[in-house]
């Protein structure tokens, strides 16, 4: 199994990123009382559409590049490393943030290396760590030593190493190809490539 990064020169015409939680609800047929249980296994789902002109050499080259990329994944055999094409960070960032302390999992992450005494990320921004792309649920403010505790929307699955870099610019997730990629050529001048991905949980 090999990780292949999405070609940086190929920008999808459309993309949809959604979170598939793994919660279940139970409702009593007698009293109507509902109980909800949260379980591990939530994951991202990403669909992308790449459109190009049939007779445009640059567009055609990019379409062939993404077709080759999808062939290379060979269905679910390999992994696709992809960032959200529509994502733009809101917070200013600052410094060179890293993990502070080994063995961290769960919904909080201790970090350091930030610009001191500053709001570095806003709620809704995302980080990339340990092959996961995780949204931040509250503003991240560094202390006078450059430390900051990040509250996360989804739990860290695999503990990152102490000092591991945190990607705040272009966080990625690892996916498997969820369905067969589709290559269509409509009458006229357009050609379309469609692909759906589901996050690979280690």
N, C-alpha and C. Protein backbone atom coordinates (compact mmCIF):
# COMPACT_ATOMS: atom_id res chain seq x y z
N UNK A 1 0.84 -1.19 0.00
CA UNK A 1 0.00 0.00 0.00
C UNK A 1 0.88 1.25 0.00
N UNK A 2 0.57 2.18 -0.88
CA UNK A 2 1.36 3.40 -1.05
C UNK A 2 0.46 4.62 -0.97
N UNK A 3 0.98 5.71 -0.39
CA UNK A 3 0.25 6.98 -0.36
C UNK A 3 0.59 7.79 -1.60
N UNK A 4 -0.44 8.30 -2.28
CA UNK A 4 -0.24 9.16 -3.45
C UNK A 4 -0.94 10.50 -3.21
N UNK A 5 -0.19 11.59 -3.35
CA UNK A 5 -0.73 12.92 -3.12
C UNK A 5 -1.41 13.45 -4.37
N UNK A 6 -2.58 14.04 -4.17
CA UNK A 6 -3.35 14.64 -5.28
C UNK A 6 -2.48 15.66 -6.01
N UNK A 7 -2.46 15.63 -7.34
CA UNK A 7 -1.61 16.57 -8.11
C UNK A 7 -1.98 18.02 -7.82
N UNK A 8 -1.00 18.81 -7.42
CA UNK A 8 -1.26 20.20 -7.01
C UNK A 8 -1.77 21.06 -8.15
N UNK A 9 -1.46 20.68 -9.39
CA UNK A 9 -1.85 21.50 -10.54
C UNK A 9 -3.30 21.27 -10.97
N UNK A 10 -3.96 20.27 -10.38
CA UNK A 10 -5.34 19.95 -10.77
C UNK A 10 -6.29 20.50 -9.71
N UNK A 11 -7.04 21.54 -10.08
CA UNK A 11 -8.02 22.16 -9.19
C UNK A 11 -9.42 21.71 -9.61
N UNK A 12 -10.14 21.01 -8.74
CA UNK A 12 -11.48 20.55 -9.11
C UNK A 12 -12.43 21.70 -9.42
N UNK A 13 -13.33 21.47 -10.37
CA UNK A 13 -14.37 22.46 -10.65
C UNK A 13 -15.39 22.49 -9.52
N UNK A 14 -15.64 21.33 -8.92
CA UNK A 14 -16.56 21.23 -7.79
C UNK A 14 -16.00 20.21 -6.80
N UNK A 15 -16.22 20.46 -5.52
CA UNK A 15 -15.85 19.49 -4.49
C UNK A 15 -16.81 19.61 -3.32
N UNK A 16 -17.11 18.49 -2.70
CA UNK A 16 -17.98 18.46 -1.53
C UNK A 16 -17.32 17.62 -0.45
N UNK A 17 -17.10 18.25 0.71
CA UNK A 17 -16.51 17.55 1.85
C UNK A 17 -17.56 17.43 2.94
N UNK A 18 -17.78 16.23 3.44
CA UNK A 18 -18.77 16.03 4.50
C UNK A 18 -18.22 15.08 5.56
N UNK A 19 -18.71 15.26 6.78
CA UNK A 19 -18.29 14.41 7.89
C UNK A 19 -19.35 13.34 8.14
N UNK A 20 -18.92 12.09 8.15
CA UNK A 20 -19.82 10.96 8.38
C UNK A 20 -19.59 10.48 9.81
N UNK A 21 -20.48 10.89 10.72
CA UNK A 21 -20.30 10.47 12.11
C UNK A 21 -20.71 9.02 12.28
N UNK A 22 -20.35 8.47 13.41
CA UNK A 22 -20.67 7.07 13.68
C UNK A 22 -21.52 6.95 14.94
N UNK A 23 -22.45 7.90 15.10
CA UNK A 23 -23.37 7.84 16.24
C UNK A 23 -24.60 7.02 15.86
N UNK A 24 -25.17 6.41 16.87
CA UNK A 24 -26.39 5.62 16.66
C UNK A 24 -27.44 6.05 17.68
N UNK A 25 -28.70 5.97 17.29
CA UNK A 25 -29.80 6.34 18.18
C UNK A 25 -30.72 5.14 18.38
N UNK A 26 -31.17 4.98 19.62
CA UNK A 26 -32.11 3.92 19.96
C UNK A 26 -33.38 4.55 20.52
N UNK A 27 -34.52 4.15 20.04
CA UNK A 27 -35.79 4.70 20.52
C UNK A 27 -36.66 3.56 21.02
N UNK A 28 -37.11 3.69 22.26
CA UNK A 28 -37.96 2.65 22.86
C UNK A 28 -39.32 2.63 22.17
N UNK A 29 -39.76 1.46 21.70
CA UNK A 29 -41.10 1.38 21.08
C UNK A 29 -42.21 1.53 22.11
N UNK A 30 -41.88 1.41 23.39
CA UNK A 30 -42.90 1.50 24.44
C UNK A 30 -43.07 2.93 24.96
N UNK A 31 -41.94 3.54 25.35
CA UNK A 31 -42.01 4.87 25.97
C UNK A 31 -41.64 6.00 25.01
N UNK A 32 -41.01 5.65 23.91
CA UNK A 32 -40.56 6.68 22.98
C UNK A 32 -39.28 7.36 23.42
N UNK A 33 -38.70 6.91 24.54
CA UNK A 33 -37.45 7.48 25.03
C UNK A 33 -36.32 7.19 24.06
N UNK A 34 -35.54 8.22 23.78
CA UNK A 34 -34.43 8.08 22.83
C UNK A 34 -33.10 8.10 23.56
N UNK A 35 -32.18 7.27 23.09
CA UNK A 35 -30.83 7.24 23.64
C UNK A 35 -29.84 7.29 22.47
N UNK A 36 -28.85 8.13 22.60
CA UNK A 36 -27.87 8.28 21.53
C UNK A 36 -26.50 7.84 22.04
N UNK A 37 -25.80 7.11 21.20
CA UNK A 37 -24.47 6.61 21.58
C UNK A 37 -23.46 7.04 20.53
N UNK A 38 -22.38 7.62 20.99
CA UNK A 38 -21.29 8.03 20.09
C UNK A 38 -20.23 6.95 20.06
N UNK A 39 -19.82 6.55 18.87
CA UNK A 39 -18.82 5.48 18.73
C UNK A 39 -17.67 5.97 17.86
N UNK A 40 -16.49 5.37 18.01
CA UNK A 40 -15.38 5.72 17.12
C UNK A 40 -15.72 5.34 15.67
N UNK A 41 -15.00 5.90 14.76
CA UNK A 41 -15.19 5.51 13.36
C UNK A 41 -15.73 6.60 12.47
N UNK A 42 -15.94 7.82 13.02
CA UNK A 42 -16.33 8.93 12.15
C UNK A 42 -15.24 9.21 11.13
N UNK A 43 -15.63 9.70 9.94
CA UNK A 43 -14.64 9.87 8.87
C UNK A 43 -15.14 10.90 7.86
N UNK A 44 -14.20 11.41 7.07
CA UNK A 44 -14.52 12.37 6.01
C UNK A 44 -14.96 11.63 4.75
N UNK A 45 -15.84 12.29 4.00
CA UNK A 45 -16.21 11.84 2.66
C UNK A 45 -15.99 13.02 1.72
N UNK A 46 -15.30 12.78 0.62
CA UNK A 46 -14.95 13.84 -0.32
C UNK A 46 -15.33 13.43 -1.73
N UNK A 47 -16.09 14.28 -2.40
CA UNK A 47 -16.38 14.04 -3.82
C UNK A 47 -15.80 15.20 -4.63
N UNK A 48 -15.20 14.88 -5.76
CA UNK A 48 -14.58 15.90 -6.59
C UNK A 48 -15.00 15.72 -8.05
N UNK A 49 -15.10 16.85 -8.74
CA UNK A 49 -15.41 16.85 -10.17
C UNK A 49 -14.37 17.72 -10.87
N UNK A 50 -13.72 17.14 -11.85
CA UNK A 50 -12.75 17.88 -12.66
C UNK A 50 -13.30 17.98 -14.07
N UNK A 51 -13.38 19.20 -14.60
CA UNK A 51 -13.94 19.43 -15.93
C UNK A 51 -12.90 20.13 -16.79
N UNK A 52 -12.80 19.72 -18.03
CA UNK A 52 -11.86 20.36 -18.94
C UNK A 52 -12.39 20.41 -20.35
N UNK A 53 -11.78 21.25 -21.15
CA UNK A 53 -12.12 21.35 -22.57
C UNK A 53 -11.39 20.28 -23.36
N UNK A 54 -12.13 19.63 -24.24
CA UNK A 54 -11.52 18.54 -25.00
C UNK A 54 -10.37 19.00 -25.88
N UNK A 55 -10.48 20.21 -26.42
CA UNK A 55 -9.49 20.65 -27.40
C UNK A 55 -8.54 21.70 -26.84
N UNK A 56 -8.50 21.79 -25.52
CA UNK A 56 -7.55 22.68 -24.85
C UNK A 56 -6.39 21.83 -24.35
N UNK A 57 -5.19 22.05 -24.85
CA UNK A 57 -4.07 21.17 -24.54
C UNK A 57 -3.71 21.19 -23.06
N UNK A 58 -3.79 22.37 -22.43
CA UNK A 58 -3.46 22.46 -21.00
C UNK A 58 -4.50 21.71 -20.17
N UNK A 59 -5.78 21.96 -20.43
CA UNK A 59 -6.85 21.28 -19.70
C UNK A 59 -6.81 19.78 -19.95
N UNK A 60 -6.54 19.39 -21.18
CA UNK A 60 -6.50 17.96 -21.51
C UNK A 60 -5.35 17.28 -20.78
N UNK A 61 -4.22 17.96 -20.65
CA UNK A 61 -3.08 17.41 -19.93
C UNK A 61 -3.44 17.18 -18.46
N UNK A 62 -4.15 18.15 -17.87
CA UNK A 62 -4.54 18.00 -16.46
C UNK A 62 -5.56 16.89 -16.28
N UNK A 63 -6.48 16.74 -17.22
CA UNK A 63 -7.45 15.65 -17.14
C UNK A 63 -6.75 14.30 -17.23
N UNK A 64 -5.80 14.19 -18.11
CA UNK A 64 -5.05 12.93 -18.24
C UNK A 64 -4.23 12.66 -16.98
N UNK A 65 -3.72 13.74 -16.37
CA UNK A 65 -2.95 13.59 -15.14
C UNK A 65 -3.81 13.03 -14.01
N UNK A 66 -5.04 13.55 -13.88
CA UNK A 66 -5.89 13.07 -12.80
C UNK A 66 -6.42 11.67 -13.12
N UNK A 67 -6.66 11.37 -14.40
CA UNK A 67 -7.05 10.02 -14.76
C UNK A 67 -5.96 9.03 -14.37
N UNK A 68 -4.71 9.38 -14.69
CA UNK A 68 -3.59 8.51 -14.34
C UNK A 68 -3.47 8.35 -12.82
N UNK A 69 -3.73 9.44 -12.09
CA UNK A 69 -3.68 9.39 -10.63
C UNK A 69 -4.70 8.39 -10.09
N UNK A 70 -5.92 8.45 -10.62
CA UNK A 70 -6.98 7.56 -10.15
C UNK A 70 -6.70 6.11 -10.54
N UNK A 71 -6.15 5.89 -11.72
CA UNK A 71 -5.75 4.54 -12.11
C UNK A 71 -4.69 4.00 -11.16
N UNK A 72 -3.77 4.88 -10.78
CA UNK A 72 -2.66 4.48 -9.91
C UNK A 72 -3.13 4.02 -8.54
N UNK A 73 -4.26 4.60 -8.08
CA UNK A 73 -4.81 4.18 -6.78
C UNK A 73 -5.30 2.73 -6.82
N UNK A 74 -5.64 2.27 -8.01
CA UNK A 74 -6.08 0.87 -8.20
C UNK A 74 -7.21 0.50 -7.24
N UNK A 75 -8.30 1.27 -7.35
CA UNK A 75 -9.43 1.02 -6.46
C UNK A 75 -9.08 1.38 -5.03
N UNK A 76 -9.28 0.43 -4.12
CA UNK A 76 -9.01 0.68 -2.70
C UNK A 76 -7.64 0.17 -2.27
N UNK A 77 -6.78 -0.20 -3.23
CA UNK A 77 -5.49 -0.78 -2.85
C UNK A 77 -4.59 0.26 -2.19
N UNK A 78 -4.51 1.47 -2.77
CA UNK A 78 -3.60 2.50 -2.26
C UNK A 78 -4.38 3.64 -1.63
N UNK A 79 -3.66 4.61 -1.09
CA UNK A 79 -4.29 5.72 -0.37
C UNK A 79 -4.06 7.04 -1.11
N UNK A 80 -5.09 7.87 -1.09
CA UNK A 80 -5.02 9.21 -1.70
C UNK A 80 -4.87 10.25 -0.60
N UNK A 81 -3.85 11.07 -0.68
CA UNK A 81 -3.63 12.14 0.29
C UNK A 81 -4.12 13.44 -0.35
N UNK A 82 -5.20 13.99 0.22
CA UNK A 82 -5.88 15.11 -0.43
C UNK A 82 -6.25 16.17 0.61
N UNK A 83 -6.07 17.42 0.24
CA UNK A 83 -6.56 18.54 1.05
C UNK A 83 -7.92 18.97 0.49
N UNK A 84 -8.65 19.73 1.28
CA UNK A 84 -9.94 20.25 0.82
C UNK A 84 -9.67 21.41 -0.13
N UNK A 85 -10.03 21.28 -1.41
CA UNK A 85 -9.72 22.35 -2.38
C UNK A 85 -10.36 23.69 -2.03
N UNK A 86 -11.45 23.67 -1.26
CA UNK A 86 -12.17 24.91 -0.96
C UNK A 86 -11.74 25.55 0.36
N UNK A 87 -10.83 24.89 1.09
CA UNK A 87 -10.50 25.38 2.44
C UNK A 87 -9.55 26.57 2.41
N UNK A 88 -9.89 27.58 3.21
CA UNK A 88 -9.03 28.74 3.44
C UNK A 88 -9.01 29.01 4.94
N UNK A 89 -7.84 29.04 5.53
CA UNK A 89 -7.74 29.30 6.97
C UNK A 89 -8.14 30.74 7.29
N UNK A 90 -8.84 30.92 8.40
CA UNK A 90 -9.27 32.26 8.83
C UNK A 90 -8.27 32.90 9.80
N UNK A 91 -7.72 32.10 10.71
CA UNK A 91 -6.79 32.62 11.69
C UNK A 91 -5.46 33.01 11.07
N UNK A 92 -4.71 33.91 11.72
CA UNK A 92 -3.45 34.39 11.14
C UNK A 92 -2.30 33.41 11.24
N UNK A 93 -2.41 32.39 12.11
CA UNK A 93 -1.29 31.48 12.31
C UNK A 93 -0.15 32.22 12.99
N UNK A 94 1.06 31.79 12.74
CA UNK A 94 2.23 32.44 13.32
C UNK A 94 3.11 31.45 14.05
N UNK A 95 4.42 31.53 13.77
CA UNK A 95 5.37 30.62 14.38
C UNK A 95 5.47 29.32 13.61
N UNK A 96 6.06 28.32 14.27
CA UNK A 96 6.21 26.99 13.68
C UNK A 96 5.63 26.00 14.69
N UNK A 97 4.31 25.78 14.66
CA UNK A 97 3.67 24.97 15.70
C UNK A 97 4.03 23.49 15.61
N UNK A 98 4.24 22.90 16.78
CA UNK A 98 4.54 21.47 16.88
C UNK A 98 3.80 20.88 18.07
N UNK A 99 3.72 19.56 18.10
CA UNK A 99 3.10 18.84 19.22
C UNK A 99 4.00 18.95 20.45
N UNK A 100 3.39 19.21 21.60
CA UNK A 100 4.13 19.31 22.85
C UNK A 100 3.77 18.12 23.75
N UNK A 101 4.62 17.10 23.69
CA UNK A 101 4.40 15.92 24.51
C UNK A 101 3.88 14.75 23.71
N UNK A 102 4.44 13.59 23.96
CA UNK A 102 4.04 12.38 23.24
C UNK A 102 2.80 11.76 23.89
N UNK A 103 2.18 10.83 23.17
CA UNK A 103 1.09 10.04 23.72
C UNK A 103 -0.25 10.73 23.77
N UNK A 104 -0.44 11.81 23.01
CA UNK A 104 -1.70 12.55 23.08
C UNK A 104 -2.75 11.98 22.11
N UNK A 105 -3.90 11.68 22.65
CA UNK A 105 -5.07 11.31 21.84
C UNK A 105 -6.26 12.07 22.41
N UNK A 106 -7.44 11.85 21.84
CA UNK A 106 -8.62 12.51 22.37
C UNK A 106 -8.91 13.83 21.69
N UNK A 107 -9.57 14.72 22.41
CA UNK A 107 -10.12 15.95 21.82
C UNK A 107 -9.34 17.21 22.16
N UNK A 108 -8.20 17.08 22.79
CA UNK A 108 -7.34 18.25 23.03
C UNK A 108 -5.91 17.91 22.64
N UNK A 109 -5.20 18.95 22.22
CA UNK A 109 -3.81 18.76 21.79
C UNK A 109 -2.96 19.89 22.36
N UNK A 110 -1.93 19.52 23.13
CA UNK A 110 -0.98 20.49 23.67
C UNK A 110 0.08 20.78 22.63
N UNK A 111 0.33 22.04 22.38
CA UNK A 111 1.26 22.42 21.31
C UNK A 111 2.17 23.55 21.79
N UNK A 112 3.25 23.78 21.05
CA UNK A 112 4.09 24.95 21.29
C UNK A 112 4.72 25.37 19.97
N UNK A 113 5.54 26.42 20.02
CA UNK A 113 6.18 26.92 18.81
C UNK A 113 5.42 28.04 18.12
N UNK A 114 4.31 28.50 18.72
CA UNK A 114 3.52 29.56 18.12
C UNK A 114 4.14 30.94 18.39
N UNK A 115 3.76 31.91 17.59
CA UNK A 115 4.03 33.30 17.93
C UNK A 115 3.38 33.58 19.29
N UNK A 116 4.09 34.29 20.16
CA UNK A 116 3.62 34.44 21.54
C UNK A 116 2.42 35.37 21.67
N UNK A 117 1.57 35.06 22.67
CA UNK A 117 0.46 35.93 23.11
C UNK A 117 -0.39 36.43 21.94
N UNK A 118 -0.95 35.47 21.20
CA UNK A 118 -1.68 35.84 19.99
C UNK A 118 -2.77 34.82 19.71
N UNK A 119 -3.90 35.28 19.16
CA UNK A 119 -4.90 34.35 18.63
C UNK A 119 -4.39 33.86 17.29
N UNK A 120 -4.04 32.57 17.23
CA UNK A 120 -3.37 32.04 16.04
C UNK A 120 -4.32 31.29 15.11
N UNK A 121 -5.37 30.68 15.68
CA UNK A 121 -6.38 29.99 14.88
C UNK A 121 -7.76 30.37 15.39
N UNK A 122 -8.72 30.40 14.49
CA UNK A 122 -10.10 30.68 14.87
C UNK A 122 -10.92 29.39 14.84
N UNK A 123 -12.00 29.38 15.60
CA UNK A 123 -12.91 28.24 15.57
C UNK A 123 -13.34 27.99 14.12
N UNK A 124 -13.27 26.72 13.70
CA UNK A 124 -13.60 26.38 12.32
C UNK A 124 -12.39 26.17 11.45
N UNK A 125 -11.23 26.69 11.87
CA UNK A 125 -9.99 26.39 11.17
C UNK A 125 -9.67 24.90 11.36
N UNK A 126 -8.72 24.40 10.59
CA UNK A 126 -8.37 22.98 10.68
C UNK A 126 -6.87 22.81 10.86
N UNK A 127 -6.51 21.69 11.44
CA UNK A 127 -5.09 21.33 11.54
C UNK A 127 -4.90 19.96 10.90
N UNK A 128 -3.67 19.72 10.47
CA UNK A 128 -3.31 18.41 9.97
C UNK A 128 -2.29 17.80 10.91
N UNK A 129 -2.61 16.61 11.45
CA UNK A 129 -1.72 15.96 12.40
C UNK A 129 -1.94 14.45 12.34
N UNK A 130 -0.86 13.70 12.35
CA UNK A 130 -0.94 12.23 12.41
C UNK A 130 -1.87 11.66 11.35
N UNK A 131 -1.74 12.16 10.12
CA UNK A 131 -2.55 11.70 8.98
C UNK A 131 -4.03 12.00 9.13
N UNK A 132 -4.36 12.98 9.97
CA UNK A 132 -5.75 13.40 10.13
C UNK A 132 -5.90 14.89 9.83
N UNK A 133 -7.07 15.25 9.33
CA UNK A 133 -7.46 16.65 9.17
C UNK A 133 -8.59 16.90 10.16
N UNK A 134 -8.35 17.77 11.15
CA UNK A 134 -9.30 17.93 12.25
C UNK A 134 -9.67 19.40 12.43
N UNK A 135 -10.97 19.71 12.46
CA UNK A 135 -11.39 21.09 12.73
C UNK A 135 -11.14 21.49 14.18
N UNK A 136 -10.90 22.78 14.36
CA UNK A 136 -10.72 23.38 15.68
C UNK A 136 -12.08 23.94 16.12
N UNK A 137 -12.49 23.70 17.38
CA UNK A 137 -13.83 24.11 17.80
C UNK A 137 -13.85 25.40 18.61
N UNK A 138 -12.70 25.93 18.96
CA UNK A 138 -12.65 27.22 19.65
C UNK A 138 -11.37 27.94 19.25
N UNK A 139 -11.36 29.26 19.42
CA UNK A 139 -10.17 30.04 19.08
C UNK A 139 -8.96 29.51 19.84
N UNK A 140 -7.81 29.51 19.18
CA UNK A 140 -6.56 29.03 19.78
C UNK A 140 -5.70 30.25 20.08
N UNK A 141 -5.37 30.43 21.36
CA UNK A 141 -4.61 31.60 21.79
C UNK A 141 -3.32 31.13 22.44
N UNK A 142 -2.20 31.59 21.94
CA UNK A 142 -0.90 31.21 22.49
C UNK A 142 -0.60 32.01 23.75
N UNK A 143 0.19 31.42 24.65
CA UNK A 143 0.57 32.11 25.88
C UNK A 143 1.91 32.83 25.67
N UNK A 144 2.44 33.51 26.70
CA UNK A 144 3.69 34.25 26.53
C UNK A 144 4.91 33.38 26.20
N UNK A 145 4.75 32.05 26.32
CA UNK A 145 5.85 31.16 25.95
C UNK A 145 5.64 30.49 24.60
N UNK A 146 4.53 30.80 23.92
CA UNK A 146 4.24 30.20 22.62
C UNK A 146 3.52 28.87 22.71
N UNK A 147 3.03 28.52 23.91
CA UNK A 147 2.25 27.29 24.07
C UNK A 147 0.78 27.56 23.78
N UNK A 148 0.06 26.54 23.35
CA UNK A 148 -1.38 26.67 23.13
C UNK A 148 -2.03 25.30 23.20
N UNK A 149 -3.22 25.26 23.78
CA UNK A 149 -4.02 24.04 23.82
C UNK A 149 -5.12 24.14 22.78
N UNK A 150 -5.20 23.15 21.90
CA UNK A 150 -6.17 23.16 20.82
C UNK A 150 -7.32 22.21 21.16
N UNK A 151 -8.55 22.73 21.10
CA UNK A 151 -9.74 21.90 21.29
C UNK A 151 -10.22 21.42 19.92
N UNK A 152 -10.41 20.13 19.79
CA UNK A 152 -10.65 19.51 18.49
C UNK A 152 -12.08 18.98 18.36
N UNK A 153 -12.60 18.99 17.13
CA UNK A 153 -13.93 18.47 16.86
C UNK A 153 -13.96 16.95 16.86
N UNK A 154 -12.88 16.33 16.42
CA UNK A 154 -12.81 14.88 16.32
C UNK A 154 -11.58 14.39 17.07
N UNK A 155 -11.66 13.23 17.68
CA UNK A 155 -10.52 12.74 18.46
C UNK A 155 -9.33 12.34 17.60
N UNK A 156 -8.15 12.56 18.14
CA UNK A 156 -6.92 12.10 17.49
C UNK A 156 -6.90 10.58 17.60
N UNK A 157 -6.76 9.90 16.47
CA UNK A 157 -6.81 8.44 16.46
C UNK A 157 -5.47 7.82 16.84
N UNK A 158 -4.40 8.38 16.28
CA UNK A 158 -3.06 7.86 16.54
C UNK A 158 -2.21 8.96 17.14
N UNK A 159 -1.63 8.70 18.30
CA UNK A 159 -0.87 9.74 19.00
C UNK A 159 0.32 10.19 18.17
N UNK A 160 0.44 11.51 17.91
CA UNK A 160 1.60 12.02 17.19
C UNK A 160 2.84 12.05 18.10
N UNK A 161 3.99 12.13 17.50
CA UNK A 161 5.24 12.18 18.26
C UNK A 161 5.45 13.57 18.86
N UNK A 162 6.15 13.63 19.95
CA UNK A 162 6.54 14.91 20.52
C UNK A 162 7.37 15.68 19.49
N UNK A 163 7.01 16.93 19.25
CA UNK A 163 7.75 17.73 18.28
C UNK A 163 7.29 17.58 16.85
N UNK A 164 6.27 16.75 16.62
CA UNK A 164 5.78 16.57 15.25
C UNK A 164 5.15 17.87 14.75
N UNK A 165 5.44 18.21 13.51
CA UNK A 165 4.92 19.45 12.92
C UNK A 165 3.40 19.39 12.77
N UNK A 166 2.76 20.53 12.96
CA UNK A 166 1.31 20.66 12.79
C UNK A 166 1.06 21.48 11.53
N UNK A 167 0.32 20.92 10.59
CA UNK A 167 0.03 21.61 9.33
C UNK A 167 -1.20 22.49 9.51
N UNK A 168 -1.00 23.81 9.46
CA UNK A 168 -2.14 24.73 9.57
C UNK A 168 -2.43 25.42 8.24
N UNK A 169 -1.59 25.17 7.24
CA UNK A 169 -1.75 25.84 5.96
C UNK A 169 -2.58 25.02 4.97
N UNK A 170 -2.25 23.74 4.87
CA UNK A 170 -2.90 22.91 3.87
C UNK A 170 -3.11 21.50 4.43
N UNK A 171 -3.92 21.37 5.49
CA UNK A 171 -4.09 20.06 6.12
C UNK A 171 -4.72 19.04 5.16
N UNK A 172 -4.27 17.82 5.28
CA UNK A 172 -4.74 16.75 4.39
C UNK A 172 -5.29 15.58 5.21
N UNK A 173 -6.02 14.72 4.51
CA UNK A 173 -6.47 13.45 5.08
C UNK A 173 -6.10 12.35 4.10
N UNK A 174 -6.07 11.10 4.59
CA UNK A 174 -5.78 9.95 3.76
C UNK A 174 -7.09 9.26 3.41
N UNK A 175 -7.31 9.04 2.12
CA UNK A 175 -8.58 8.49 1.64
C UNK A 175 -8.36 7.20 0.85
N UNK A 176 -9.44 6.43 0.75
CA UNK A 176 -9.51 5.36 -0.22
C UNK A 176 -10.58 5.75 -1.25
N UNK A 177 -10.44 5.24 -2.44
CA UNK A 177 -11.42 5.51 -3.49
C UNK A 177 -12.70 4.77 -3.13
N UNK A 178 -13.78 5.53 -2.89
CA UNK A 178 -15.02 4.93 -2.38
C UNK A 178 -15.80 4.23 -3.48
N UNK A 179 -15.80 4.79 -4.68
CA UNK A 179 -16.51 4.21 -5.81
C UNK A 179 -15.59 4.22 -7.01
N UNK A 180 -15.98 3.50 -8.03
CA UNK A 180 -15.20 3.53 -9.26
C UNK A 180 -15.20 4.94 -9.83
N UNK A 181 -14.03 5.42 -10.22
CA UNK A 181 -13.95 6.75 -10.84
C UNK A 181 -14.68 6.72 -12.17
N UNK A 182 -15.35 7.82 -12.51
CA UNK A 182 -16.13 7.90 -13.75
C UNK A 182 -15.51 8.93 -14.67
N UNK A 183 -15.34 8.55 -15.92
CA UNK A 183 -14.80 9.44 -16.94
C UNK A 183 -15.87 9.61 -18.01
N UNK A 184 -16.40 10.82 -18.13
CA UNK A 184 -17.48 11.04 -19.08
C UNK A 184 -17.11 12.11 -20.08
N UNK A 185 -17.68 11.98 -21.27
CA UNK A 185 -17.44 12.95 -22.33
C UNK A 185 -18.79 13.30 -22.94
N UNK A 186 -19.31 14.47 -22.54
CA UNK A 186 -20.61 14.90 -23.02
C UNK A 186 -20.50 15.44 -24.44
N UNK A 187 -21.59 15.41 -25.21
CA UNK A 187 -21.56 16.00 -26.54
C UNK A 187 -21.12 17.46 -26.46
N UNK A 188 -20.26 17.84 -27.34
CA UNK A 188 -19.76 19.21 -27.31
C UNK A 188 -18.28 19.23 -27.02
N UNK A 189 -17.87 20.07 -26.10
CA UNK A 189 -16.43 20.28 -25.93
C UNK A 189 -15.92 19.94 -24.54
N UNK A 190 -16.80 19.45 -23.65
CA UNK A 190 -16.37 19.22 -22.27
C UNK A 190 -16.16 17.74 -21.96
N UNK A 191 -15.18 17.49 -21.10
CA UNK A 191 -14.90 16.15 -20.59
C UNK A 191 -14.86 16.24 -19.07
N UNK A 192 -15.41 15.24 -18.38
CA UNK A 192 -15.56 15.31 -16.93
C UNK A 192 -15.00 14.06 -16.26
N UNK A 193 -14.31 14.28 -15.14
CA UNK A 193 -13.84 13.18 -14.30
C UNK A 193 -14.49 13.32 -12.93
N UNK A 194 -15.14 12.25 -12.46
CA UNK A 194 -15.81 12.25 -11.16
C UNK A 194 -15.16 11.19 -10.27
N UNK A 195 -14.96 11.55 -9.00
CA UNK A 195 -14.38 10.58 -8.06
C UNK A 195 -14.91 10.86 -6.67
N UNK A 196 -15.11 9.79 -5.90
CA UNK A 196 -15.54 9.89 -4.51
C UNK A 196 -14.54 9.15 -3.62
N UNK A 197 -14.24 9.78 -2.49
CA UNK A 197 -13.27 9.23 -1.57
C UNK A 197 -13.85 9.15 -0.16
N UNK A 198 -13.40 8.17 0.60
CA UNK A 198 -13.78 8.03 1.99
C UNK A 198 -12.50 7.91 2.82
N UNK A 199 -12.45 8.63 3.93
CA UNK A 199 -11.24 8.64 4.74
C UNK A 199 -10.86 7.23 5.18
N UNK A 200 -9.59 6.92 5.06
CA UNK A 200 -9.08 5.61 5.48
C UNK A 200 -8.75 5.67 6.97
N UNK A 201 -9.39 4.83 7.75
CA UNK A 201 -9.14 4.78 9.19
C UNK A 201 -8.13 3.68 9.48
N UNK A 202 -7.01 4.01 10.10
CA UNK A 202 -5.98 2.99 10.33
C UNK A 202 -6.43 1.93 11.34
